[in-house]
Amino acid sequence: MGALKGVLAIVGIAAILVGGLWVLQGLDIVRWPASSFMLGDTTWTRNGVILAVVGVVLVWFARKK
């Protein structure tokens, strides 16, 4: 069970980081890569928030005793 919690934590942290990047790209704060189709598109802001929330839930489950 310990290995599963470790995997959940790693996947959750990755989801939080990627979701945060998507939010920042959707809000046109981070302009990397410069030719990205996600820049300034609020759809990606919403998708990023959802992914980050899923990541928080995964990390919460991984830390639950």
N, C-alpha and C. Protein backbone atom coordinates (compact mmCIF):
# COMPACT_ATOMS: atom_id res chain seq x y z
N MET A 1 0.81 -1.20 0.00
CA MET A 1 0.00 0.00 0.00
C MET A 1 0.85 1.26 0.00
N GLY A 2 2.07 1.17 0.54
CA GLY A 2 2.95 2.33 0.58
C GLY A 2 3.39 2.77 -0.80
N ALA A 3 3.62 1.82 -1.71
CA ALA A 3 4.04 2.17 -3.07
C ALA A 3 2.91 2.89 -3.81
N LEU A 4 1.68 2.45 -3.58
CA LEU A 4 0.53 3.09 -4.23
C LEU A 4 0.39 4.54 -3.76
N LYS A 5 0.59 4.77 -2.48
CA LYS A 5 0.50 6.13 -1.96
C LYS A 5 1.61 7.00 -2.54
N GLY A 6 2.78 6.44 -2.72
CA GLY A 6 3.87 7.19 -3.33
C GLY A 6 3.56 7.57 -4.76
N VAL A 7 3.00 6.64 -5.51
CA VAL A 7 2.63 6.91 -6.91
C VAL A 7 1.53 7.97 -6.96
N LEU A 8 0.54 7.86 -6.06
CA LEU A 8 -0.53 8.85 -6.02
C LEU A 8 0.02 10.25 -5.72
N ALA A 9 0.97 10.32 -4.80
CA ALA A 9 1.55 11.61 -4.45
C ALA A 9 2.31 12.20 -5.63
N ILE A 10 3.08 11.39 -6.33
CA ILE A 10 3.86 11.88 -7.47
C ILE A 10 2.94 12.34 -8.60
N VAL A 11 1.92 11.54 -8.89
CA VAL A 11 0.97 11.92 -9.95
C VAL A 11 0.21 13.18 -9.54
N GLY A 12 -0.15 13.28 -8.26
CA GLY A 12 -0.86 14.46 -7.78
C GLY A 12 -0.02 15.71 -7.89
N ILE A 13 1.24 15.64 -7.51
CA ILE A 13 2.12 16.80 -7.61
C ILE A 13 2.32 17.20 -9.06
N ALA A 14 2.49 16.21 -9.93
CA ALA A 14 2.63 16.51 -11.36
C ALA A 14 1.37 17.18 -11.90
N ALA A 15 0.20 16.71 -11.48
CA ALA A 15 -1.06 17.30 -11.93
C ALA A 15 -1.19 18.74 -11.45
N ILE A 16 -0.77 19.02 -10.23
CA ILE A 16 -0.82 20.38 -9.70
C ILE A 16 0.09 21.30 -10.51
N LEU A 17 1.30 20.84 -10.80
CA LEU A 17 2.25 21.66 -11.55
C LEU A 17 1.78 21.92 -12.98
N VAL A 18 1.31 20.88 -13.66
CA VAL A 18 0.84 21.04 -15.04
C VAL A 18 -0.42 21.90 -15.06
N GLY A 19 -1.32 21.66 -14.11
CA GLY A 19 -2.53 22.49 -14.02
C GLY A 19 -2.20 23.95 -13.80
N GLY A 20 -1.22 24.21 -12.95
CA GLY A 20 -0.80 25.59 -12.73
C GLY A 20 -0.23 26.23 -13.98
N LEU A 21 0.56 25.48 -14.73
CA LEU A 21 1.09 25.99 -16.00
C LEU A 21 -0.03 26.31 -16.97
N TRP A 22 -1.02 25.41 -17.06
CA TRP A 22 -2.15 25.64 -17.96
C TRP A 22 -2.94 26.89 -17.56
N VAL A 23 -3.12 27.09 -16.26
CA VAL A 23 -3.83 28.28 -15.79
C VAL A 23 -3.06 29.53 -16.19
N LEU A 24 -1.77 29.54 -15.95
CA LEU A 24 -0.97 30.72 -16.28
C LEU A 24 -0.91 30.97 -17.78
N GLN A 25 -0.88 29.92 -18.58
CA GLN A 25 -0.91 30.09 -20.03
C GLN A 25 -2.28 30.58 -20.49
N GLY A 26 -3.33 30.03 -19.90
CA GLY A 26 -4.68 30.45 -20.27
C GLY A 26 -4.95 31.91 -19.92
N LEU A 27 -4.34 32.38 -18.84
CA LEU A 27 -4.49 33.78 -18.45
C LEU A 27 -3.49 34.69 -19.17
N ASP A 28 -2.66 34.10 -20.01
CA ASP A 28 -1.66 34.82 -20.80
C ASP A 28 -0.60 35.48 -19.92
N ILE A 29 -0.29 34.84 -18.80
CA ILE A 29 0.77 35.32 -17.90
C ILE A 29 2.10 34.69 -18.30
N VAL A 30 2.08 33.39 -18.56
CA VAL A 30 3.28 32.68 -19.02
C VAL A 30 3.13 32.49 -20.52
N ARG A 31 4.06 33.04 -21.27
CA ARG A 31 4.01 32.95 -22.73
C ARG A 31 5.08 32.00 -23.24
N TRP A 32 5.06 30.78 -22.69
CA TRP A 32 6.02 29.76 -23.09
C TRP A 32 5.28 28.49 -23.42
N PRO A 33 5.53 27.86 -24.51
CA PRO A 33 6.29 28.35 -25.67
C PRO A 33 5.51 29.45 -26.40
N ALA A 34 6.21 30.29 -27.06
CA ALA A 34 5.61 31.48 -27.67
C ALA A 34 4.56 31.15 -28.73
N SER A 35 4.66 29.98 -29.33
CA SER A 35 3.71 29.62 -30.39
C SER A 35 2.60 28.69 -29.88
N SER A 36 2.40 28.62 -28.58
CA SER A 36 1.41 27.71 -28.01
C SER A 36 -0.01 28.16 -28.34
N PHE A 37 -0.86 27.21 -28.65
CA PHE A 37 -2.27 27.50 -28.93
C PHE A 37 -3.05 27.77 -27.65
N MET A 38 -2.45 27.54 -26.50
CA MET A 38 -3.14 27.70 -25.22
C MET A 38 -3.08 29.14 -24.69
N LEU A 39 -2.24 29.97 -25.26
CA LEU A 39 -2.03 31.32 -24.73
C LEU A 39 -3.28 32.17 -24.89
N GLY A 40 -3.73 32.73 -23.77
CA GLY A 40 -4.87 33.64 -23.79
C GLY A 40 -6.21 32.96 -23.99
N ASP A 41 -6.28 31.65 -23.89
CA ASP A 41 -7.52 30.90 -24.09
C ASP A 41 -8.06 30.48 -22.71
N THR A 42 -9.19 31.05 -22.32
CA THR A 42 -9.71 30.78 -20.97
C THR A 42 -10.18 29.35 -20.79
N THR A 43 -10.37 28.62 -21.87
CA THR A 43 -10.70 27.20 -21.75
C THR A 43 -9.58 26.47 -21.02
N TRP A 44 -8.34 26.85 -21.31
CA TRP A 44 -7.20 26.20 -20.66
C TRP A 44 -7.05 26.65 -19.22
N THR A 45 -7.55 27.83 -18.91
CA THR A 45 -7.57 28.26 -17.50
C THR A 45 -8.49 27.33 -16.71
N ARG A 46 -9.67 27.09 -17.24
CA ARG A 46 -10.63 26.19 -16.58
C ARG A 46 -10.07 24.77 -16.47
N ASN A 47 -9.51 24.27 -17.57
CA ASN A 47 -8.95 22.92 -17.54
C ASN A 47 -7.81 22.81 -16.54
N GLY A 48 -7.00 23.85 -16.44
CA GLY A 48 -5.89 23.85 -15.49
C GLY A 48 -6.36 23.83 -14.05
N VAL A 49 -7.40 24.59 -13.76
CA VAL A 49 -7.95 24.61 -12.40
C VAL A 49 -8.49 23.23 -12.04
N ILE A 50 -9.20 22.61 -12.97
CA ILE A 50 -9.76 21.27 -12.72
C ILE A 50 -8.64 20.27 -12.48
N LEU A 51 -7.60 20.31 -13.32
CA LEU A 51 -6.48 19.38 -13.16
C LEU A 51 -5.76 19.61 -11.84
N ALA A 52 -5.57 20.86 -11.45
CA ALA A 52 -4.90 21.16 -10.19
C ALA A 52 -5.73 20.66 -9.00
N VAL A 53 -7.04 20.80 -9.06
CA VAL A 53 -7.90 20.30 -7.98
C VAL A 53 -7.82 18.78 -7.90
N VAL A 54 -7.82 18.11 -9.03
CA VAL A 54 -7.66 16.66 -9.04
C VAL A 54 -6.31 16.29 -8.42
N GLY A 55 -5.27 17.04 -8.72
CA GLY A 55 -3.96 16.79 -8.13
C GLY A 55 -3.97 16.96 -6.62
N VAL A 56 -4.65 17.98 -6.13
CA VAL A 56 -4.75 18.19 -4.68
C VAL A 56 -5.47 17.02 -4.03
N VAL A 57 -6.53 16.54 -4.65
CA VAL A 57 -7.28 15.40 -4.11
C VAL A 57 -6.39 14.15 -4.08
N LEU A 58 -5.61 13.93 -5.13
CA LEU A 58 -4.72 12.77 -5.15
C LEU A 58 -3.67 12.86 -4.05
N VAL A 59 -3.10 14.03 -3.86
CA VAL A 59 -2.11 14.20 -2.79
C VAL A 59 -2.77 14.00 -1.43
N TRP A 60 -3.99 14.50 -1.28
CA TRP A 60 -4.72 14.32 -0.02
C TRP A 60 -4.95 12.83 0.28
N PHE A 61 -5.35 12.07 -0.74
CA PHE A 61 -5.55 10.63 -0.56
C PHE A 61 -4.24 9.93 -0.24
N ALA A 62 -3.16 10.38 -0.85
CA ALA A 62 -1.84 9.76 -0.60
C ALA A 62 -1.37 10.01 0.83
N ARG A 63 -1.73 11.15 1.39
CA ARG A 63 -1.29 11.48 2.75
C ARG A 63 -2.23 10.98 3.83
N LYS A 64 -3.43 10.54 3.44
CA LYS A 64 -4.41 10.04 4.39
C LYS A 64 -3.92 8.73 5.02
N LYS A 65 -4.11 8.61 6.31
CA LYS A 65 -3.65 7.41 7.02
C LYS A 65 -4.60 6.25 6.88
